[in-house]
PDB file of N, CA and C in Angstrom:
ATOM      1  N   UNK A   1      23.795   5.894  -8.141  1.00  0.00           N
ATOM      2  CA  UNK A   1      22.667   5.212  -8.770  1.00  0.00           C
ATOM      3  C   UNK A   1      21.409   6.076  -8.720  1.00  0.00           C
ATOM      4  N   UNK A   2      21.201   6.748  -7.590  1.00  0.00           N
ATOM      5  CA  UNK A   2      20.022   7.608  -7.465  1.00  0.00           C
ATOM      6  C   UNK A   2      20.113   8.774  -8.442  1.00  0.00           C
ATOM      7  N   UNK A   3      21.323   9.324  -8.592  1.00  0.00           N
ATOM      8  CA  UNK A   3      21.499  10.455  -9.507  1.00  0.00           C
ATOM      9  C   UNK A   3      21.267  10.002 -10.947  1.00  0.00           C
ATOM     10  N   UNK A   4      21.746   8.810 -11.302  1.00  0.00           N
ATOM     11  CA  UNK A   4      21.528   8.301 -12.653  1.00  0.00           C
ATOM     12  C   UNK A   4      20.051   8.084 -12.924  1.00  0.00           C
ATOM     13  N   UNK A   5      19.334   7.590 -11.932  1.00  0.00           N
ATOM     14  CA  UNK A   5      17.892   7.383 -12.081  1.00  0.00           C
ATOM     15  C   UNK A   5      17.179   8.710 -12.301  1.00  0.00           C
ATOM     16  N   UNK A   6      17.616   9.745 -11.571  1.00  0.00           N
ATOM     17  CA  UNK A   6      16.992  11.056 -11.695  1.00  0.00           C
ATOM     18  C   UNK A   6      17.257  11.654 -13.080  1.00  0.00           C
ATOM     19  N   UNK A   7      18.493  11.526 -13.572  1.00  0.00           N
ATOM     20  CA  UNK A   7      18.819  12.050 -14.906  1.00  0.00           C
ATOM     21  C   UNK A   7      18.026  11.305 -15.973  1.00  0.00           C
ATOM     22  N   UNK A   8      17.920   9.982 -15.812  1.00  0.00           N
ATOM     23  CA  UNK A   8      17.154   9.193 -16.771  1.00  0.00           C
ATOM     24  C   UNK A   8      15.689   9.600 -16.770  1.00  0.00           C
ATOM     25  N   UNK A   9      15.131   9.889 -15.592  1.00  0.00           N
ATOM     26  CA  UNK A   9      13.733  10.304 -15.530  1.00  0.00           C
ATOM     27  C   UNK A   9      13.526  11.654 -16.209  1.00  0.00           C
ATOM     28  N   UNK A  10      14.509  12.555 -16.077  1.00  0.00           N
ATOM     29  CA  UNK A  10      14.392  13.852 -16.748  1.00  0.00           C
ATOM     30  C   UNK A  10      14.432  13.673 -18.271  1.00  0.00           C
ATOM     31  N   UNK A  11      15.340  12.828 -18.747  1.00  0.00           N
ATOM     32  CA  UNK A  11      15.456  12.615 -20.188  1.00  0.00           C
ATOM     33  C   UNK A  11      14.199  11.957 -20.748  1.00  0.00           C
ATOM     34  N   UNK A  12      13.699  10.925 -20.052  1.00  0.00           N
ATOM     35  CA  UNK A  12      12.491  10.255 -20.529  1.00  0.00           C
ATOM     36  C   UNK A  12      11.290  11.191 -20.442  1.00  0.00           C
ATOM     37  N   UNK A  13      11.285  12.074 -19.452  1.00  0.00           N
ATOM     38  CA  UNK A  13      10.183  13.026 -19.309  1.00  0.00           C
ATOM     39  C   UNK A  13      10.124  13.980 -20.507  1.00  0.00           C
ATOM     40  N   UNK A  14      11.261  14.519 -20.913  1.00  0.00           N
ATOM     41  CA  UNK A  14      11.275  15.434 -22.055  1.00  0.00           C
ATOM     42  C   UNK A  14      10.926  14.692 -23.344  1.00  0.00           C
ATOM     43  N   UNK A  15      11.380  13.438 -23.466  1.00  0.00           N
ATOM     44  CA  UNK A  15      11.064  12.647 -24.651  1.00  0.00           C
ATOM     45  C   UNK A  15       9.568  12.352 -24.731  1.00  0.00           C
ATOM     46  N   UNK A  16       8.970  11.965 -23.602  1.00  0.00           N
ATOM     47  CA  UNK A  16       7.536  11.669 -23.577  1.00  0.00           C
ATOM     48  C   UNK A  16       6.735  12.932 -23.882  1.00  0.00           C
ATOM     49  N   UNK A  17       7.198  14.081 -23.390  1.00  0.00           N
ATOM     50  CA  UNK A  17       6.496  15.331 -23.667  1.00  0.00           C
ATOM     51  C   UNK A  17       6.451  15.622 -25.161  1.00  0.00           C
ATOM     52  N   UNK A  18       7.569  15.444 -25.853  1.00  0.00           N
ATOM     53  CA  UNK A  18       7.598  15.754 -27.277  1.00  0.00           C
ATOM     54  C   UNK A  18       6.785  14.737 -28.076  1.00  0.00           C
ATOM     55  N   UNK A  19       6.698  13.492 -27.600  1.00  0.00           N
ATOM     56  CA  UNK A  19       5.985  12.463 -28.354  1.00  0.00           C
ATOM     57  C   UNK A  19       4.470  12.534 -28.154  1.00  0.00           C
ATOM     58  N   UNK A  20       4.019  12.873 -26.938  1.00  0.00           N
ATOM     59  CA  UNK A  20       2.598  12.727 -26.607  1.00  0.00           C
ATOM     60  C   UNK A  20       1.891  14.046 -26.340  1.00  0.00           C
ATOM     61  N   UNK A  21       2.529  15.155 -26.641  1.00  0.00           N
ATOM     62  CA  UNK A  21       1.923  16.438 -26.290  1.00  0.00           C
ATOM     63  C   UNK A  21       0.664  16.707 -27.114  1.00  0.00           C
ATOM     64  N   UNK A  22       0.708  16.488 -28.417  1.00  0.00           N
ATOM     65  CA  UNK A  22      -0.418  16.843 -29.275  1.00  0.00           C
ATOM     66  C   UNK A  22      -1.655  15.947 -29.058  1.00  0.00           C
ATOM     67  N   UNK A  23      -1.546  14.609 -29.052  1.00  0.00           N
ATOM     68  CA  UNK A  23      -2.770  13.813 -28.956  1.00  0.00           C
ATOM     69  C   UNK A  23      -3.366  13.740 -27.551  1.00  0.00           C
ATOM     70  N   UNK A  24      -2.545  13.850 -26.492  1.00  0.00           N
ATOM     71  CA  UNK A  24      -3.048  13.623 -25.132  1.00  0.00           C
ATOM     72  C   UNK A  24      -2.709  14.796 -24.214  1.00  0.00           C
ATOM     73  N   UNK A  25      -3.546  15.826 -24.180  1.00  0.00           N
ATOM     74  CA  UNK A  25      -3.228  16.980 -23.320  1.00  0.00           C
ATOM     75  C   UNK A  25      -3.327  16.649 -21.828  1.00  0.00           C
ATOM     76  N   UNK A  26      -4.262  15.756 -21.448  1.00  0.00           N
ATOM     77  CA  UNK A  26      -4.374  15.442 -20.023  1.00  0.00           C
ATOM     78  C   UNK A  26      -3.183  14.598 -19.551  1.00  0.00           C
ATOM     79  N   UNK A  27      -2.674  13.745 -20.444  1.00  0.00           N
ATOM     80  CA  UNK A  27      -1.474  12.989 -20.108  1.00  0.00           C
ATOM     81  C   UNK A  27      -0.281  13.932 -19.982  1.00  0.00           C
ATOM     82  N   UNK A  28      -0.248  14.961 -20.826  1.00  0.00           N
ATOM     83  CA  UNK A  28       0.819  15.957 -20.730  1.00  0.00           C
ATOM     84  C   UNK A  28       0.756  16.679 -19.383  1.00  0.00           C
ATOM     85  N   UNK A  29      -0.449  17.010 -18.928  1.00  0.00           N
ATOM     86  CA  UNK A  29      -0.591  17.663 -17.624  1.00  0.00           C
ATOM     87  C   UNK A  29      -0.164  16.729 -16.504  1.00  0.00           C
ATOM     88  N   UNK A  30      -0.473  15.441 -16.651  1.00  0.00           N
ATOM     89  CA  UNK A  30      -0.061  14.470 -15.640  1.00  0.00           C
ATOM     90  C   UNK A  30       1.460  14.346 -15.593  1.00  0.00           C
ATOM     91  N   UNK A  31       2.103  14.378 -16.770  1.00  0.00           N
ATOM     92  CA  UNK A  31       3.555  14.201 -16.831  1.00  0.00           C
ATOM     93  C   UNK A  31       4.315  15.417 -16.305  1.00  0.00           C
ATOM     94  N   UNK A  32       3.606  16.553 -16.115  1.00  0.00           N
ATOM     95  CA  UNK A  32       4.285  17.714 -15.553  1.00  0.00           C
ATOM     96  C   UNK A  32       4.746  17.445 -14.122  1.00  0.00           C
ATOM     97  N   UNK A  33       4.092  16.488 -13.450  1.00  0.00           N
ATOM     98  CA  UNK A  33       4.443  16.199 -12.063  1.00  0.00           C
ATOM     99  C   UNK A  33       5.534  15.140 -11.953  1.00  0.00           C
ATOM    100  N   UNK A  34       5.971  14.572 -13.077  1.00  0.00           N
ATOM    101  CA  UNK A  34       6.954  13.492 -13.024  1.00  0.00           C
ATOM    102  C   UNK A  34       8.303  13.931 -12.453  1.00  0.00           C
ATOM    103  N   UNK A  35       8.910  15.048 -12.887  1.00  0.00           N
ATOM    104  CA  UNK A  35      10.200  15.432 -12.296  1.00  0.00           C
ATOM    105  C   UNK A  35      10.078  15.771 -10.812  1.00  0.00           C
ATOM    106  N   UNK A  36       8.974  16.427 -10.431  1.00  0.00           N
ATOM    107  CA  UNK A  36       8.777  16.749  -9.018  1.00  0.00           C
ATOM    108  C   UNK A  36       8.633  15.479  -8.192  1.00  0.00           C
ATOM    109  N   UNK A  37       7.937  14.484  -8.752  1.00  0.00           N
ATOM    110  CA  UNK A  37       7.746  13.218  -8.052  1.00  0.00           C
ATOM    111  C   UNK A  37       9.075  12.492  -7.862  1.00  0.00           C
ATOM    112  N   UNK A  38       9.882  12.423  -8.926  1.00  0.00           N
ATOM    113  CA  UNK A  38      11.172  11.736  -8.806  1.00  0.00           C
ATOM    114  C   UNK A  38      12.105  12.490  -7.865  1.00  0.00           C
ATOM    115  N   UNK A  39      12.029  13.833  -7.892  1.00  0.00           N
ATOM    116  CA  UNK A  39      12.864  14.625  -6.981  1.00  0.00           C
ATOM    117  C   UNK A  39      12.465  14.361  -5.534  1.00  0.00           C
ATOM    118  N   UNK A  40      11.154  14.282  -5.270  1.00  0.00           N
ATOM    119  CA  UNK A  40      10.683  14.007  -3.919  1.00  0.00           C
ATOM    120  C   UNK A  40      11.111  12.621  -3.461  1.00  0.00           C
ATOM    121  N   UNK A  41      11.021  11.632  -4.367  1.00  0.00           N
ATOM    122  CA  UNK A  41      11.399  10.263  -4.006  1.00  0.00           C
ATOM    123  C   UNK A  41      12.897  10.188  -3.705  1.00  0.00           C
ATOM    124  N   UNK A  42      13.722  10.813  -4.548  1.00  0.00           N
ATOM    125  CA  UNK A  42      15.170  10.757  -4.315  1.00  0.00           C
ATOM    126  C   UNK A  42      15.537  11.511  -3.040  1.00  0.00           C
ATOM    127  N   UNK A  43      14.842  12.610  -2.751  1.00  0.00           N
ATOM    128  CA  UNK A  43      15.125  13.341  -1.521  1.00  0.00           C
ATOM    129  C   UNK A  43      14.771  12.504  -0.300  1.00  0.00           C
ATOM    130  N   UNK A  44      13.640  11.795  -0.343  1.00  0.00           N
ATOM    131  CA  UNK A  44      13.256  10.973   0.800  1.00  0.00           C
ATOM    132  C   UNK A  44      14.225   9.802   0.965  1.00  0.00           C
ATOM    133  N   UNK A  45      14.702   9.230  -0.147  1.00  0.00           N
ATOM    134  CA  UNK A  45      15.682   8.141  -0.057  1.00  0.00           C
ATOM    135  C   UNK A  45      16.982   8.655   0.561  1.00  0.00           C
ATOM    136  N   UNK A  46      17.422   9.831   0.131  1.00  0.00           N
ATOM    137  CA  UNK A  46      18.646  10.410   0.694  1.00  0.00           C
ATOM    138  C   UNK A  46      18.490  10.694   2.181  1.00  0.00           C
ATOM    139  N   UNK A  47      17.321  11.202   2.575  1.00  0.00           N
ATOM    140  CA  UNK A  47      17.077  11.500   3.985  1.00  0.00           C
ATOM    141  C   UNK A  47      17.083  10.207   4.804  1.00  0.00           C
ATOM    142  N   UNK A  48      16.494   9.153   4.254  1.00  0.00           N
ATOM    143  CA  UNK A  48      16.471   7.876   4.975  1.00  0.00           C
ATOM    144  C   UNK A  48      17.884   7.331   5.142  1.00  0.00           C
ATOM    145  N   UNK A  49      18.687   7.379   4.065  1.00  0.00           N
ATOM    146  CA  UNK A  49      20.058   6.855   4.133  1.00  0.00           C
ATOM    147  C   UNK A  49      20.903   7.680   5.096  1.00  0.00           C
ATOM    148  N   UNK A  50      20.822   9.001   4.988  1.00  0.00           N
ATOM    149  CA  UNK A  50      21.613   9.870   5.869  1.00  0.00           C
ATOM    150  C   UNK A  50      21.134   9.712   7.315  1.00  0.00           C
ATOM    151  N   UNK A  51      19.832   9.610   7.509  1.00  0.00           N
ATOM    152  CA  UNK A  51      19.290   9.440   8.852  1.00  0.00           C
ATOM    153  C   UNK A  51      19.757   8.141   9.484  1.00  0.00           C
ATOM    154  N   UNK A  52      19.787   7.060   8.717  1.00  0.00           N
ATOM    155  CA  UNK A  52      20.261   5.787   9.246  1.00  0.00           C
ATOM    156  C   UNK A  52      21.744   5.884   9.614  1.00  0.00           C
ATOM    157  N   UNK A  53      22.527   6.564   8.783  1.00  0.00           N
ATOM    158  CA  UNK A  53      23.944   6.724   9.085  1.00  0.00           C
ATOM    159  C   UNK A  53      24.158   7.502  10.373  1.00  0.00           C
ATOM    160  N   UNK A  54      23.397   8.596  10.557  1.00  0.00           N
ATOM    161  CA  UNK A  54      23.524   9.383  11.782  1.00  0.00           C
ATOM    162  C   UNK A  54      23.056   8.575  12.985  1.00  0.00           C
ATOM    163  N   UNK A  55      22.020   7.777  12.797  1.00  0.00           N
ATOM    164  CA  UNK A  55      21.499   6.973  13.896  1.00  0.00           C
ATOM    165  C   UNK A  55      22.522   5.933  14.338  1.00  0.00           C
ATOM    166  N   UNK A  56      23.197   5.311  13.377  1.00  0.00           N
ATOM    167  CA  UNK A  56      24.222   4.334  13.713  1.00  0.00           C
ATOM    168  C   UNK A  56      25.405   5.005  14.413  1.00  0.00           C
ATOM    169  N   UNK A  57      25.763   6.204  13.966  1.00  0.00           N
ATOM    170  CA  UNK A  57      26.869   6.911  14.618  1.00  0.00           C
ATOM    171  C   UNK A  57      26.501   7.266  16.064  1.00  0.00           C
ATOM    172  N   UNK A  58      25.245   7.646  16.292  1.00  0.00           N
ATOM    173  CA  UNK A  58      24.829   8.010  17.639  1.00  0.00           C
ATOM    174  C   UNK A  58      24.791   6.789  18.562  1.00  0.00           C
ATOM    175  N   UNK A  59      24.531   5.588  18.015  1.00  0.00           N
ATOM    176  CA  UNK A  59      24.438   4.392  18.843  1.00  0.00           C
ATOM    177  C   UNK A  59      25.793   3.748  19.117  1.00  0.00           C
ATOM    178  N   UNK A  60      26.864   4.255  18.519  1.00  0.00           N
ATOM    179  CA  UNK A  60      28.181   3.671  18.776  1.00  0.00           C
ATOM    180  C   UNK A  60      28.600   3.958  20.211  1.00  0.00           C
ATOM    181  N   UNK A  61      29.178   2.976  20.895  1.00  0.00           N
ATOM    182  CA  UNK A  61      29.609   3.189  22.293  1.00  0.00           C
ATOM    183  C   UNK A  61      30.852   4.084  22.387  1.00  0.00           C
TER     184      UNK A  61
END
């Protein structure tokens, strides 16, 4: 699900760039950070999930 969300964000990002590049240059500059933002969010989610799994394994008797 996280991977699908990331792919969808990349596709929508390229679509928004082609649609809004000419009239809104500042919005285009803002959208340059969208893939980096989604990548950071998915990485933090993965770290949280993996960290919880390792924590549960460490707490097993």
